[in-house]
C-alpha atoms as a PDB file:
ATOM      1  CA  MET A   1     -11.795 -47.304   1.207  1.00  0.00           C
ATOM      2  CA  ARG A   2      -9.390 -46.187   3.918  1.00  0.00           C
ATOM      3  CA  LEU A   3      -7.936 -42.996   5.315  1.00  0.00           C
ATOM      4  CA  LEU A   4      -4.199 -42.458   4.917  1.00  0.00           C
ATOM      5  CA  HIS A   5      -2.152 -40.280   7.202  1.00  0.00           C
ATOM      6  CA  GLU A   6       1.193 -39.620   5.457  1.00  0.00           C
ATOM      7  CA  LEU A   7      -0.657 -36.954   3.491  1.00  0.00           C
ATOM      8  CA  PRO A   8      -4.328 -36.400   4.188  1.00  0.00           C
ATOM      9  CA  ALA A   9      -5.690 -38.757   1.562  1.00  0.00           C
ATOM     10  CA  ILE A  10      -8.214 -41.492   0.998  1.00  0.00           C
ATOM     11  CA  LEU A  11      -7.312 -44.677  -0.841  1.00  0.00           C
ATOM     12  CA  VAL A  12     -10.061 -46.280  -2.890  1.00  0.00           C
ATOM     13  CA  GLU A  13      -9.157 -49.801  -4.045  1.00  0.00           C
ATOM     14  CA  LYS A  14     -11.712 -50.397  -6.824  1.00  0.00           C
ATOM     15  CA  PRO A  15     -12.219 -50.176  -9.742  1.00  0.00           C
ATOM     16  CA  VAL A  16      -8.655 -48.795  -9.894  1.00  0.00           C
ATOM     17  CA  LYS A  17      -6.434 -47.837  -6.947  1.00  0.00           C
ATOM     18  CA  THR A  18      -7.207 -44.151  -6.524  1.00  0.00           C
ATOM     19  CA  LEU A  19      -5.911 -41.560  -4.086  1.00  0.00           C
ATOM     20  CA  ILE A  20      -8.321 -38.759  -3.211  1.00  0.00           C
ATOM     21  CA  ILE A  21      -6.464 -35.674  -1.965  1.00  0.00           C
ATOM     22  CA  ALA A  22      -7.874 -32.230  -1.163  1.00  0.00           C
ATOM     23  CA  ASP A  23      -6.403 -28.778  -0.749  1.00  0.00           C
ATOM     24  CA  ILE A  24      -2.762 -29.134  -1.793  1.00  0.00           C
ATOM     25  CA  HIS A  25      -2.425 -25.330  -2.251  1.00  0.00           C
ATOM     26  CA  PHE A  26       0.724 -25.275  -4.399  1.00  0.00           C
ATOM     27  CA  GLY A  27       2.321 -21.849  -4.086  1.00  0.00           C
ATOM     28  CA  PHE A  28       1.030 -20.813  -0.649  1.00  0.00           C
ATOM     29  CA  GLU A  29       4.606 -19.661   0.042  1.00  0.00           C
ATOM     30  CA  ALA A  30       4.102 -16.774  -2.394  1.00  0.00           C
ATOM     31  CA  GLU A  31       1.307 -15.379  -0.221  1.00  0.00           C
ATOM     32  CA  LEU A  32       3.525 -15.686   2.846  1.00  0.00           C
ATOM     33  CA  ALA A  33       6.284 -13.814   0.977  1.00  0.00           C
ATOM     34  CA  GLU A  34       3.837 -10.986   0.242  1.00  0.00           C
ATOM     35  CA  ARG A  35       3.369 -10.714   4.020  1.00  0.00           C
ATOM     36  CA  GLY A  36       7.128 -10.611   4.624  1.00  0.00           C
ATOM     37  CA  ILE A  37       7.497 -14.255   5.663  1.00  0.00           C
ATOM     38  CA  ARG A  38      10.163 -15.971   3.588  1.00  0.00           C
ATOM     39  CA  VAL A  39       9.615 -19.704   3.165  1.00  0.00           C
ATOM     40  CA  PRO A  40      11.387 -21.726   0.471  1.00  0.00           C
ATOM     41  CA  SER A  41       9.242 -23.473  -2.104  1.00  0.00           C
ATOM     42  CA  GLN A  42       7.578 -26.547  -0.650  1.00  0.00           C
ATOM     43  CA  ALA A  43       6.855 -28.022  -4.104  1.00  0.00           C
ATOM     44  CA  TRP A  44       9.680 -30.563  -3.966  1.00  0.00           C
ATOM     45  CA  LYS A  45       8.818 -31.700  -0.448  1.00  0.00           C
ATOM     46  CA  LEU A  46       5.233 -32.110  -1.603  1.00  0.00           C
ATOM     47  CA  ARG A  47       6.434 -33.994  -4.685  1.00  0.00           C
ATOM     48  CA  ASP A  48       8.359 -36.415  -2.476  1.00  0.00           C
ATOM     49  CA  GLN A  49       5.298 -36.948  -0.260  1.00  0.00           C
ATOM     50  CA  LEU A  50       3.050 -37.552  -3.269  1.00  0.00           C
ATOM     51  CA  ILE A  51       5.463 -39.992  -4.910  1.00  0.00           C
ATOM     52  CA  LYS A  52       5.944 -41.860  -1.627  1.00  0.00           C
ATOM     53  CA  ILE A  53       2.219 -42.255  -1.053  1.00  0.00           C
ATOM     54  CA  VAL A  54       1.574 -43.226  -4.705  1.00  0.00           C
ATOM     55  CA  GLU A  55       4.267 -45.898  -4.555  1.00  0.00           C
ATOM     56  CA  ARG A  56       3.221 -47.185  -1.127  1.00  0.00           C
ATOM     57  CA  ALA A  57      -0.446 -47.414  -2.159  1.00  0.00           C
ATOM     58  CA  GLU A  58       0.385 -48.621  -5.695  1.00  0.00           C
ATOM     59  CA  ALA A  59      -2.109 -45.998  -6.898  1.00  0.00           C
ATOM     60  CA  ARG A  60      -2.865 -45.621 -10.595  1.00  0.00           C
ATOM     61  CA  ARG A  61      -4.946 -42.459 -10.254  1.00  0.00           C
ATOM     62  CA  ILE A  62      -5.136 -39.317  -8.113  1.00  0.00           C
ATOM     63  CA  ILE A  63      -8.293 -37.246  -7.857  1.00  0.00           C
ATOM     64  CA  PHE A  64      -7.578 -33.802  -6.430  1.00  0.00           C
ATOM     65  CA  LEU A  65     -10.598 -32.332  -4.614  1.00  0.00           C
ATOM     66  CA  GLY A  66      -9.852 -28.743  -5.480  1.00  0.00           C
ATOM     67  CA  ASP A  67      -7.429 -26.035  -4.457  1.00  0.00           C
ATOM     68  CA  LEU A  68      -4.498 -27.635  -6.215  1.00  0.00           C
ATOM     69  CA  LYS A  69      -3.089 -24.105  -6.494  1.00  0.00           C
ATOM     70  CA  HIS A  70      -3.256 -21.347  -3.899  1.00  0.00           C
ATOM     71  CA  MET A  71      -3.042 -17.781  -5.242  1.00  0.00           C
ATOM     72  CA  VAL A  72      -6.247 -15.980  -6.190  1.00  0.00           C
ATOM     73  CA  PRO A  73      -6.931 -14.249  -8.544  1.00  0.00           C
ATOM     74  CA  LEU A  74      -3.430 -14.424 -10.034  1.00  0.00           C
ATOM     75  CA  SER A  75      -0.948 -17.297  -9.958  1.00  0.00           C
ATOM     76  CA  SER A  76       2.568 -17.374  -8.523  1.00  0.00           C
ATOM     77  CA  TRP A  77       5.761 -18.526 -10.226  1.00  0.00           C
ATOM     78  CA  ILE A  78       5.589 -21.706  -8.129  1.00  0.00           C
ATOM     79  CA  GLU A  79       2.193 -22.470  -9.605  1.00  0.00           C
ATOM     80  CA  TRP A  80       3.365 -21.689 -13.149  1.00  0.00           C
ATOM     81  CA  ARG A  81       6.718 -23.473 -13.008  1.00  0.00           C
ATOM     82  CA  GLU A  82       6.912 -26.030 -10.210  1.00  0.00           C
ATOM     83  CA  MET A  83       3.346 -27.356  -9.962  1.00  0.00           C
ATOM     84  CA  PRO A  84       3.346 -28.618 -13.590  1.00  0.00           C
ATOM     85  CA  MET A  85       6.796 -30.177 -13.080  1.00  0.00           C
ATOM     86  CA  VAL A  86       5.594 -32.104 -10.011  1.00  0.00           C
ATOM     87  CA  LEU A  87       2.445 -33.286 -11.787  1.00  0.00           C
ATOM     88  CA  GLU A  88       4.495 -34.318 -14.825  1.00  0.00           C
ATOM     89  CA  GLU A  89       6.634 -36.521 -12.564  1.00  0.00           C
ATOM     90  CA  LEU A  90       3.481 -38.197 -11.246  1.00  0.00           C
ATOM     91  CA  LYS A  91       2.274 -38.806 -14.803  1.00  0.00           C
ATOM     92  CA  ASP A  92       5.677 -40.300 -15.640  1.00  0.00           C
ATOM     93  CA  LEU A  93       4.964 -42.886 -12.918  1.00  0.00           C
ATOM     94  CA  GLY A  94       1.852 -43.893 -14.878  1.00  0.00           C
ATOM     95  CA  VAL A  95      -0.598 -42.077 -12.609  1.00  0.00           C
ATOM     96  CA  GLU A  96      -3.747 -40.588 -14.133  1.00  0.00           C
ATOM     97  CA  LEU A  97      -4.500 -37.144 -12.677  1.00  0.00           C
ATOM     98  CA  MET A  98      -7.960 -35.648 -12.281  1.00  0.00           C
ATOM     99  CA  LEU A  99      -9.026 -32.334 -10.752  1.00  0.00           C
ATOM    100  CA  ILE A 100     -12.374 -31.258  -9.377  1.00  0.00           C
ATOM    101  CA  PRO A 101     -11.666 -27.496  -9.391  1.00  0.00           C
ATOM    102  CA  GLY A 102     -11.904 -25.572  -6.134  1.00  0.00           C
ATOM    103  CA  ASN A 103     -12.303 -21.879  -5.389  1.00  0.00           C
ATOM    104  CA  HIS A 104      -8.515 -21.313  -5.701  1.00  0.00           C
ATOM    105  CA  ASP A 105      -8.238 -23.079  -9.082  1.00  0.00           C
ATOM    106  CA  GLY A 106      -9.389 -20.286 -11.402  1.00  0.00           C
ATOM    107  CA  ASP A 107      -7.651 -20.458 -14.793  1.00  0.00           C
ATOM    108  CA  ILE A 108      -5.671 -23.519 -13.694  1.00  0.00           C
ATOM    109  CA  ASP A 109      -6.288 -25.018 -17.131  1.00  0.00           C
ATOM    110  CA  LYS A 110      -4.047 -22.280 -18.579  1.00  0.00           C
ATOM    111  CA  ILE A 111      -1.230 -23.533 -16.344  1.00  0.00           C
ATOM    112  CA  LEU A 112      -1.772 -27.293 -16.565  1.00  0.00           C
ATOM    113  CA  GLY A 113      -3.327 -27.741 -20.003  1.00  0.00           C
ATOM    114  CA  ASP A 114      -3.980 -31.440 -20.510  1.00  0.00           C
ATOM    115  CA  LEU A 115      -1.739 -32.623 -17.643  1.00  0.00           C
ATOM    116  CA  VAL A 116      -4.929 -33.377 -15.707  1.00  0.00           C
ATOM    117  CA  LYS A 117      -8.485 -34.330 -16.604  1.00  0.00           C
ATOM    118  CA  TYR A 118     -10.979 -31.765 -15.362  1.00  0.00           C
ATOM    119  CA  ALA A 119     -14.241 -32.742 -13.686  1.00  0.00           C
ATOM    120  CA  ASP A 120     -17.170 -30.432 -12.968  1.00  0.00           C
ATOM    121  CA  SER A 121     -16.552 -28.084 -10.024  1.00  0.00           C
ATOM    122  CA  LYS A 122     -19.936 -29.233  -8.651  1.00  0.00           C
ATOM    123  CA  GLY A 123     -18.469 -32.683  -8.092  1.00  0.00           C
ATOM    124  CA  MET A 124     -18.670 -36.195  -9.467  1.00  0.00           C
ATOM    125  CA  LEU A 125     -19.959 -39.622  -8.529  1.00  0.00           C
ATOM    126  CA  LEU A 126     -17.260 -42.294  -8.259  1.00  0.00           C
ATOM    127  CA  GLU A 127     -18.417 -45.897  -8.373  1.00  0.00           C
ATOM    128  CA  ALA A 128     -16.001 -47.635  -6.006  1.00  0.00           C
ATOM    129  CA  GLU A 129     -16.485 -50.104  -3.154  1.00  0.00           C
ATOM    130  CA  LYS A 130     -19.330 -47.735  -2.316  1.00  0.00           C
ATOM    131  CA  LYS A 131     -20.726 -44.850  -4.329  1.00  0.00           C
ATOM    132  CA  LEU A 132     -18.652 -41.792  -3.440  1.00  0.00           C
ATOM    133  CA  TYR A 133     -19.673 -38.264  -4.315  1.00  0.00           C
ATOM    134  CA  LEU A 134     -16.499 -36.176  -4.541  1.00  0.00           C
ATOM    135  CA  LEU A 135     -16.474 -32.385  -4.439  1.00  0.00           C
ATOM    136  CA  HIS A 136     -14.358 -29.514  -3.233  1.00  0.00           C
ATOM    137  CA  GLY A 137     -17.210 -28.018  -1.253  1.00  0.00           C
ATOM    138  CA  HIS A 138     -17.446 -24.416  -2.419  1.00  0.00           C
ATOM    139  CA  THR A 139     -20.351 -25.026  -4.836  1.00  0.00           C
ATOM    140  CA  ARG A 140     -23.749 -26.674  -4.623  1.00  0.00           C
ATOM    141  CA  PRO A 141     -23.430 -30.329  -5.683  1.00  0.00           C
ATOM    142  CA  THR A 142     -25.400 -31.847  -8.531  1.00  0.00           C
ATOM    143  CA  PRO A 143     -28.499 -33.964  -7.782  1.00  0.00           C
ATOM    144  CA  GLN A 144     -26.232 -37.014  -8.255  1.00  0.00           C
ATOM    145  CA  VAL A 145     -25.101 -36.440  -4.675  1.00  0.00           C
ATOM    146  CA  LEU A 146     -28.311 -38.196  -3.590  1.00  0.00           C
ATOM    147  CA  GLU A 147     -27.158 -41.399  -5.316  1.00  0.00           C
ATOM    148  CA  SER A 148     -24.036 -41.613  -3.148  1.00  0.00           C
ATOM    149  CA  ASP A 149     -23.348 -43.693  -0.062  1.00  0.00           C
ATOM    150  CA  ILE A 150     -20.537 -41.404   1.106  1.00  0.00           C
ATOM    151  CA  ILE A 151     -19.810 -37.733   0.398  1.00  0.00           C
ATOM    152  CA  VAL A 152     -16.160 -36.638   0.450  1.00  0.00           C
ATOM    153  CA  ILE A 153     -15.579 -32.882   0.721  1.00  0.00           C
ATOM    154  CA  GLY A 154     -12.422 -30.767   0.889  1.00  0.00           C
ATOM    155  CA  HIS A 155     -12.363 -26.976   1.369  1.00  0.00           C
ATOM    156  CA  LEU A 156     -12.743 -26.770   5.159  1.00  0.00           C
ATOM    157  CA  HIS A 157      -9.187 -27.552   6.397  1.00  0.00           C
ATOM    158  CA  PRO A 158     -10.305 -28.988   9.753  1.00  0.00           C
ATOM    159  CA  VAL A 159      -7.666 -28.939  12.507  1.00  0.00           C
ATOM    160  CA  VAL A 160      -7.526 -29.671  16.205  1.00  0.00           C
ATOM    161  CA  SER A 161      -5.362 -27.583  18.539  1.00  0.00           C
ATOM    162  CA  LEU A 162      -3.646 -29.420  21.380  1.00  0.00           C
ATOM    163  CA  ARG A 163      -1.747 -27.882  24.277  1.00  0.00           C
ATOM    164  CA  THR A 164       1.419 -29.714  25.339  1.00  0.00           C
ATOM    165  CA  ASP A 165       2.687 -30.043  28.916  1.00  0.00           C
ATOM    166  CA  LEU A 166       5.041 -27.142  28.143  1.00  0.00           C
ATOM    167  CA  GLY A 167       2.116 -24.929  27.136  1.00  0.00           C
ATOM    168  CA  LEU A 168       2.875 -25.043  23.417  1.00  0.00           C
ATOM    169  CA  ILE A 169      -0.062 -25.289  21.055  1.00  0.00           C
ATOM    170  CA  VAL A 170       0.249 -27.925  18.352  1.00  0.00           C
ATOM    171  CA  ARG A 171      -2.198 -27.969  15.444  1.00  0.00           C
ATOM    172  CA  ARG A 172      -2.933 -31.198  13.573  1.00  0.00           C
ATOM    173  CA  ARG A 173      -5.087 -31.757  10.512  1.00  0.00           C
ATOM    174  CA  VAL A 174      -7.978 -34.096  11.191  1.00  0.00           C
ATOM    175  CA  TRP A 175     -10.709 -35.963   9.355  1.00  0.00           C
ATOM    176  CA  LEU A 176     -14.299 -35.058  10.157  1.00  0.00           C
ATOM    177  CA  TYR A 177     -16.730 -37.949   9.869  1.00  0.00           C
ATOM    178  CA  MET A 178     -20.471 -37.481  10.177  1.00  0.00           C
ATOM    179  CA  ARG A 179     -23.445 -39.747   9.697  1.00  0.00           C
ATOM    180  CA  GLY A 180     -26.573 -38.383   8.086  1.00  0.00           C
ATOM    181  CA  ASP A 181     -29.577 -39.300   6.038  1.00  0.00           C
ATOM    182  CA  LYS A 182     -30.854 -38.051   2.701  1.00  0.00           C
ATOM    183  CA  ARG A 183     -33.976 -36.348   4.043  1.00  0.00           C
END
């Protein structure tokens, strides 16, 4: 298992090469537009990033850790039109798609149908190099979480803010890693 940096993702090698990706938030541009900020759809840029990382990692499966879409409670045209097109392109590459629904993914099955396999929103245990418990993080996990060696959670969007020599603040997404015990 290793962290990738092109897109915040984890690559699990066994039993099948799997990318674990959280918080894509397709359609966030629609919320910005509602606030008067016009940003073109980022779906195609995201598609290119996903295809690049799938090809580079030779992944056969992607597990999305929730918040594949952004708008709540309704869905934007980007989520209805472009998100399924991007996911269809990934499937055409032979990639199996699975979603552990997050708090932004209400009614996503109406948009995606059988394009993805749906796991329980409370998470799932993945038998890989180590036992991974995967969840979005907005619900209480199942007792299976205690069987895991590593817990992988999305939902939090951790960032670090850095000040440059010019006084500009740059924000970068980061991984949080914490040791714990099961007590």
